[in-house]
């Protein structure tokens, strides 16, 4: 049995995120004959709020030199794979190594941090801190229960780490959000 191979669609240079989303939508509609609709549903979410003792992070200047450097990251988090120098100038990185997890935030608003938490806490996370500005910090935690053969010490959960390291907290809440409901789609896309 042979499988049809297709090349990835080309994204025009200078295309915005919105343009890319529209191109992806057209591709799914045409190639997979996707039929879907959006429903507004109440779902369980987390809200990021300031903890009792106040935040342990402070805004940074957008034009400041690298707040996070390879040297200080290696000193504070020796097991963490060191991000690229470009990311240290501004960006978000999630990384895992030997039973530990890190989120590196470099010169980003807290909304980028809450967006990066979704796959860890398996719920949408909304920034309700009211903290303005951009931030640079590293959050370190132990996901799940590391196996003994990894040699990793059991560290804090992501919830505890957020409280201890950032002075923030995640609270359970309910919110109405738009959910994409797929009605039908082809298992194999149509050819070009």
C-alpha atoms as a PDB file:
ATOM      1  CA  UNK A   1       0.000   0.000   0.000  1.00  0.00           C
ATOM      2  CA  UNK A   2       1.421   3.381  -0.940  1.00  0.00           C
ATOM      3  CA  UNK A   3       0.694   6.553   0.884  1.00  0.00           C
ATOM      4  CA  UNK A   4       0.183   9.857  -0.796  1.00  0.00           C
ATOM      5  CA  UNK A   5       2.869  12.315   0.198  1.00  0.00           C
ATOM      6  CA  UNK A   6       2.292  15.993   0.136  1.00  0.00           C
ATOM      7  CA  UNK A   7       4.598  18.901   0.599  1.00  0.00           C
ATOM      8  CA  UNK A   8       4.004  21.441   3.307  1.00  0.00           C
ATOM      9  CA  UNK A   9       2.314  24.616   2.144  1.00  0.00           C
ATOM     10  CA  UNK A  10       4.588  27.604   1.772  1.00  0.00           C
ATOM     11  CA  UNK A  11       3.975  30.620   3.978  1.00  0.00           C
ATOM     12  CA  UNK A  12       4.541  33.887   2.115  1.00  0.00           C
ATOM     13  CA  UNK A  13       7.348  36.011   3.525  1.00  0.00           C
ATOM     14  CA  UNK A  14       5.987  38.713   5.824  1.00  0.00           C
ATOM     15  CA  UNK A  15       2.701  36.873   6.487  1.00  0.00           C
ATOM     16  CA  UNK A  16       1.137  37.834   9.814  1.00  0.00           C
ATOM     17  CA  UNK A  17      -0.030  35.326  12.424  1.00  0.00           C
ATOM     18  CA  UNK A  18      -3.608  36.141  11.388  1.00  0.00           C
ATOM     19  CA  UNK A  19      -2.754  35.425   7.724  1.00  0.00           C
ATOM     20  CA  UNK A  20      -1.159  32.099   8.699  1.00  0.00           C
ATOM     21  CA  UNK A  21      -4.247  31.139  10.716  1.00  0.00           C
ATOM     22  CA  UNK A  22      -6.479  31.904   7.717  1.00  0.00           C
ATOM     23  CA  UNK A  23      -4.243  29.837   5.413  1.00  0.00           C
ATOM     24  CA  UNK A  24      -4.344  26.919   7.861  1.00  0.00           C
ATOM     25  CA  UNK A  25      -8.128  27.180   8.114  1.00  0.00           C
ATOM     26  CA  UNK A  26      -8.453  27.071   4.292  1.00  0.00           C
ATOM     27  CA  UNK A  27      -6.073  24.113   4.113  1.00  0.00           C
ATOM     28  CA  UNK A  28      -8.072  22.131   6.692  1.00  0.00           C
ATOM     29  CA  UNK A  29     -11.360  22.968   4.996  1.00  0.00           C
ATOM     30  CA  UNK A  30     -10.130  22.005   1.527  1.00  0.00           C
ATOM     31  CA  UNK A  31      -7.807  19.050   2.173  1.00  0.00           C
ATOM     32  CA  UNK A  32      -9.605  17.375   5.087  1.00  0.00           C
ATOM     33  CA  UNK A  33     -13.126  18.568   4.220  1.00  0.00           C
ATOM     34  CA  UNK A  34     -13.339  19.701   7.814  1.00  0.00           C
ATOM     35  CA  UNK A  35     -16.770  20.545   9.130  1.00  0.00           C
ATOM     36  CA  UNK A  36     -16.733  22.300  12.482  1.00  0.00           C
ATOM     37  CA  UNK A  37     -18.376  25.039  14.463  1.00  0.00           C
ATOM     38  CA  UNK A  38     -17.578  27.145  17.514  1.00  0.00           C
ATOM     39  CA  UNK A  39     -19.588  26.859  20.720  1.00  0.00           C
ATOM     40  CA  UNK A  40     -19.304  28.991  23.821  1.00  0.00           C
ATOM     41  CA  UNK A  41     -19.094  26.693  26.847  1.00  0.00           C
ATOM     42  CA  UNK A  42     -18.454  27.065  30.546  1.00  0.00           C
ATOM     43  CA  UNK A  43     -15.262  25.173  31.391  1.00  0.00           C
ATOM     44  CA  UNK A  44     -12.897  24.747  34.309  1.00  0.00           C
ATOM     45  CA  UNK A  45      -9.957  27.172  34.105  1.00  0.00           C
ATOM     46  CA  UNK A  46      -7.214  28.504  36.341  1.00  0.00           C
ATOM     47  CA  UNK A  47      -6.699  32.154  37.172  1.00  0.00           C
ATOM     48  CA  UNK A  48      -3.186  33.385  37.929  1.00  0.00           C
ATOM     49  CA  UNK A  49      -3.381  35.746  40.903  1.00  0.00           C
ATOM     50  CA  UNK A  50      -0.963  37.517  43.233  1.00  0.00           C
ATOM     51  CA  UNK A  51      -0.175  35.446  46.340  1.00  0.00           C
ATOM     52  CA  UNK A  52      -0.494  36.569  49.985  1.00  0.00           C
ATOM     53  CA  UNK A  53       3.056  37.915  50.310  1.00  0.00           C
ATOM     54  CA  UNK A  54       2.939  39.756  46.989  1.00  0.00           C
ATOM     55  CA  UNK A  55       4.822  38.981  43.789  1.00  0.00           C
ATOM     56  CA  UNK A  56       8.456  37.863  43.954  1.00  0.00           C
ATOM     57  CA  UNK A  57       9.034  39.012  40.381  1.00  0.00           C
ATOM     58  CA  UNK A  58       9.463  42.566  39.129  1.00  0.00           C
ATOM     59  CA  UNK A  59       9.006  44.055  35.668  1.00  0.00           C
ATOM     60  CA  UNK A  60      12.089  44.539  33.504  1.00  0.00           C
ATOM     61  CA  UNK A  61      12.856  47.198  30.927  1.00  0.00           C
ATOM     62  CA  UNK A  62      12.293  46.121  27.306  1.00  0.00           C
ATOM     63  CA  UNK A  63      15.579  47.724  26.251  1.00  0.00           C
ATOM     64  CA  UNK A  64      17.677  46.226  29.067  1.00  0.00           C
ATOM     65  CA  UNK A  65      20.475  43.827  28.202  1.00  0.00           C
ATOM     66  CA  UNK A  66      19.884  40.132  28.797  1.00  0.00           C
ATOM     67  CA  UNK A  67      18.486  39.712  32.312  1.00  0.00           C
ATOM     68  CA  UNK A  68      18.914  35.957  32.033  1.00  0.00           C
ATOM     69  CA  UNK A  69      22.370  34.834  30.958  1.00  0.00           C
ATOM     70  CA  UNK A  70      23.875  31.437  30.267  1.00  0.00           C
ATOM     71  CA  UNK A  71      26.145  31.871  33.288  1.00  0.00           C
ATOM     72  CA  UNK A  72      23.452  32.714  35.855  1.00  0.00           C
ATOM     73  CA  UNK A  73      21.044  30.103  34.443  1.00  0.00           C
ATOM     74  CA  UNK A  74      23.716  27.399  34.670  1.00  0.00           C
ATOM     75  CA  UNK A  75      24.562  28.458  38.219  1.00  0.00           C
ATOM     76  CA  UNK A  76      20.937  28.517  39.431  1.00  0.00           C
ATOM     77  CA  UNK A  77      19.657  25.576  37.316  1.00  0.00           C
ATOM     78  CA  UNK A  78      22.659  23.327  36.532  1.00  0.00           C
ATOM     79  CA  UNK A  79      20.477  20.503  35.129  1.00  0.00           C
ATOM     80  CA  UNK A  80      18.536  22.756  32.753  1.00  0.00           C
ATOM     81  CA  UNK A  81      19.465  22.735  29.066  1.00  0.00           C
ATOM     82  CA  UNK A  82      20.635  26.299  28.375  1.00  0.00           C
ATOM     83  CA  UNK A  83      18.431  28.220  25.910  1.00  0.00           C
ATOM     84  CA  UNK A  84      19.835  29.955  22.851  1.00  0.00           C
ATOM     85  CA  UNK A  85      21.211  33.488  23.303  1.00  0.00           C
ATOM     86  CA  UNK A  86      18.412  34.773  21.015  1.00  0.00           C
ATOM     87  CA  UNK A  87      15.740  33.410  23.369  1.00  0.00           C
ATOM     88  CA  UNK A  88      17.491  34.987  26.340  1.00  0.00           C
ATOM     89  CA  UNK A  89      17.038  38.361  24.621  1.00  0.00           C
ATOM     90  CA  UNK A  90      13.258  37.785  24.583  1.00  0.00           C
ATOM     91  CA  UNK A  91      10.999  34.756  24.350  1.00  0.00           C
ATOM     92  CA  UNK A  92       9.448  31.728  26.057  1.00  0.00           C
ATOM     93  CA  UNK A  93      10.955  28.266  26.421  1.00  0.00           C
ATOM     94  CA  UNK A  94       9.539  25.118  28.011  1.00  0.00           C
ATOM     95  CA  UNK A  95      12.109  22.398  28.612  1.00  0.00           C
ATOM     96  CA  UNK A  96      12.340  19.043  30.400  1.00  0.00           C
ATOM     97  CA  UNK A  97      15.403  17.117  31.497  1.00  0.00           C
ATOM     98  CA  UNK A  98      15.857  14.122  33.839  1.00  0.00           C
ATOM     99  CA  UNK A  99      12.502  14.447  35.612  1.00  0.00           C
ATOM    100  CA  UNK A 100      12.561  18.242  35.957  1.00  0.00           C
ATOM    101  CA  UNK A 101      10.693  20.921  34.020  1.00  0.00           C
ATOM    102  CA  UNK A 102      11.397  24.605  33.450  1.00  0.00           C
ATOM    103  CA  UNK A 103       9.654  27.522  31.843  1.00  0.00           C
ATOM    104  CA  UNK A 104      11.990  30.342  30.895  1.00  0.00           C
ATOM    105  CA  UNK A 105      10.295  33.713  30.383  1.00  0.00           C
ATOM    106  CA  UNK A 106      12.505  36.449  28.966  1.00  0.00           C
ATOM    107  CA  UNK A 107      11.089  39.963  28.537  1.00  0.00           C
ATOM    108  CA  UNK A 108       7.487  38.826  28.123  1.00  0.00           C
ATOM    109  CA  UNK A 109       4.118  39.897  29.574  1.00  0.00           C
ATOM    110  CA  UNK A 110       2.570  37.505  32.094  1.00  0.00           C
ATOM    111  CA  UNK A 111      -0.005  36.485  29.473  1.00  0.00           C
ATOM    112  CA  UNK A 112       2.768  34.620  27.604  1.00  0.00           C
ATOM    113  CA  UNK A 113       3.522  32.768  30.844  1.00  0.00           C
ATOM    114  CA  UNK A 114      -0.127  31.799  31.383  1.00  0.00           C
ATOM    115  CA  UNK A 115      -0.325  30.623  27.746  1.00  0.00           C
ATOM    116  CA  UNK A 116       2.709  28.385  28.345  1.00  0.00           C
ATOM    117  CA  UNK A 117       1.054  26.733  31.376  1.00  0.00           C
ATOM    118  CA  UNK A 118      -1.880  25.219  29.438  1.00  0.00           C
ATOM    119  CA  UNK A 119      -0.200  21.904  28.574  1.00  0.00           C
ATOM    120  CA  UNK A 120       1.103  21.509  32.135  1.00  0.00           C
ATOM    121  CA  UNK A 121      -2.125  22.157  34.061  1.00  0.00           C
ATOM    122  CA  UNK A 122      -4.424  20.934  31.242  1.00  0.00           C
ATOM    123  CA  UNK A 123      -6.759  23.895  31.532  1.00  0.00           C
ATOM    124  CA  UNK A 124      -6.811  27.392  30.099  1.00  0.00           C
ATOM    125  CA  UNK A 125      -5.021  29.864  32.393  1.00  0.00           C
ATOM    126  CA  UNK A 126      -5.951  33.549  32.588  1.00  0.00           C
ATOM    127  CA  UNK A 127      -3.765  36.332  33.967  1.00  0.00           C
ATOM    128  CA  UNK A 128      -5.730  38.014  36.779  1.00  0.00           C
ATOM    129  CA  UNK A 129      -2.700  39.476  38.561  1.00  0.00           C
ATOM    130  CA  UNK A 130      -3.151  43.021  37.276  1.00  0.00           C
ATOM    131  CA  UNK A 131       0.657  43.222  37.053  1.00  0.00           C
ATOM    132  CA  UNK A 132       1.698  45.399  34.104  1.00  0.00           C
ATOM    133  CA  UNK A 133       4.928  45.281  32.156  1.00  0.00           C
ATOM    134  CA  UNK A 134       7.229  42.540  30.960  1.00  0.00           C
ATOM    135  CA  UNK A 135       9.112  39.989  33.053  1.00  0.00           C
ATOM    136  CA  UNK A 136      12.147  37.709  32.980  1.00  0.00           C
ATOM    137  CA  UNK A 137      12.241  34.649  35.240  1.00  0.00           C
ATOM    138  CA  UNK A 138      12.635  30.885  35.377  1.00  0.00           C
ATOM    139  CA  UNK A 139      10.055  28.561  36.932  1.00  0.00           C
ATOM    140  CA  UNK A 140      11.365  25.119  37.937  1.00  0.00           C
ATOM    141  CA  UNK A 141       9.262  22.148  39.103  1.00  0.00           C
ATOM    142  CA  UNK A 142       8.985  18.361  39.019  1.00  0.00           C
ATOM    143  CA  UNK A 143       6.134  17.157  36.809  1.00  0.00           C
ATOM    144  CA  UNK A 144       4.295  14.046  37.971  1.00  0.00           C
ATOM    145  CA  UNK A 145       6.368  11.585  39.974  1.00  0.00           C
ATOM    146  CA  UNK A 146       9.853  11.061  38.555  1.00  0.00           C
ATOM    147  CA  UNK A 147      11.003   7.481  38.404  1.00  0.00           C
ATOM    148  CA  UNK A 148      13.759   6.422  40.808  1.00  0.00           C
ATOM    149  CA  UNK A 149      16.112   5.447  37.981  1.00  0.00           C
ATOM    150  CA  UNK A 150      16.336   9.083  36.834  1.00  0.00           C
ATOM    151  CA  UNK A 151      18.093   9.991  40.042  1.00  0.00           C
ATOM    152  CA  UNK A 152      15.958  13.109  40.346  1.00  0.00           C
ATOM    153  CA  UNK A 153      14.930  14.424  43.713  1.00  0.00           C
ATOM    154  CA  UNK A 154      11.221  15.006  44.049  1.00  0.00           C
ATOM    155  CA  UNK A 155      10.712  18.736  43.774  1.00  0.00           C
ATOM    156  CA  UNK A 156       7.670  20.969  44.018  1.00  0.00           C
ATOM    157  CA  UNK A 157       4.585  20.630  41.850  1.00  0.00           C
ATOM    158  CA  UNK A 158       3.974  23.406  39.350  1.00  0.00           C
ATOM    159  CA  UNK A 159       1.352  24.884  41.714  1.00  0.00           C
ATOM    160  CA  UNK A 160       3.758  25.000  44.652  1.00  0.00           C
ATOM    161  CA  UNK A 161       6.595  26.294  42.459  1.00  0.00           C
ATOM    162  CA  UNK A 162       4.457  29.202  41.219  1.00  0.00           C
ATOM    163  CA  UNK A 163       3.729  30.196  44.827  1.00  0.00           C
ATOM    164  CA  UNK A 164       7.250  29.705  46.189  1.00  0.00           C
ATOM    165  CA  UNK A 165       9.280  31.042  43.279  1.00  0.00           C
ATOM    166  CA  UNK A 166       7.021  33.751  41.806  1.00  0.00           C
ATOM    167  CA  UNK A 167       4.771  34.834  44.692  1.00  0.00           C
ATOM    168  CA  UNK A 168       1.737  34.084  42.522  1.00  0.00           C
ATOM    169  CA  UNK A 169      -0.919  31.366  42.719  1.00  0.00           C
ATOM    170  CA  UNK A 170      -3.268  29.409  40.481  1.00  0.00           C
ATOM    171  CA  UNK A 171      -6.904  29.368  41.580  1.00  0.00           C
ATOM    172  CA  UNK A 172      -9.616  27.148  40.091  1.00  0.00           C
ATOM    173  CA  UNK A 173     -12.453  29.010  38.407  1.00  0.00           C
ATOM    174  CA  UNK A 174     -15.080  28.638  35.686  1.00  0.00           C
ATOM    175  CA  UNK A 175     -15.181  30.710  32.504  1.00  0.00           C
ATOM    176  CA  UNK A 176     -17.091  30.803  29.254  1.00  0.00           C
ATOM    177  CA  UNK A 177     -14.743  30.262  26.342  1.00  0.00           C
ATOM    178  CA  UNK A 178     -15.127  29.451  22.665  1.00  0.00           C
ATOM    179  CA  UNK A 179     -14.537  25.762  21.867  1.00  0.00           C
ATOM    180  CA  UNK A 180     -13.999  24.397  18.359  1.00  0.00           C
ATOM    181  CA  UNK A 181     -16.305  21.386  17.868  1.00  0.00           C
ATOM    182  CA  UNK A 182     -15.281  19.124  14.967  1.00  0.00           C
ATOM    183  CA  UNK A 183     -18.291  17.528  13.316  1.00  0.00           C
ATOM    184  CA  UNK A 184     -16.420  15.543  10.664  1.00  0.00           C
ATOM    185  CA  UNK A 185     -13.114  15.356   8.805  1.00  0.00           C
ATOM    186  CA  UNK A 186     -11.404  12.988   6.383  1.00  0.00           C
ATOM    187  CA  UNK A 187      -8.778  10.701   7.929  1.00  0.00           C
ATOM    188  CA  UNK A 188      -6.587  11.068   4.846  1.00  0.00           C
ATOM    189  CA  UNK A 189      -6.373  14.479   3.171  1.00  0.00           C
ATOM    190  CA  UNK A 190      -7.252  14.935  -0.467  1.00  0.00           C
ATOM    191  CA  UNK A 191      -4.271  15.415  -2.787  1.00  0.00           C
ATOM    192  CA  UNK A 192      -3.167  18.732  -4.262  1.00  0.00           C
END
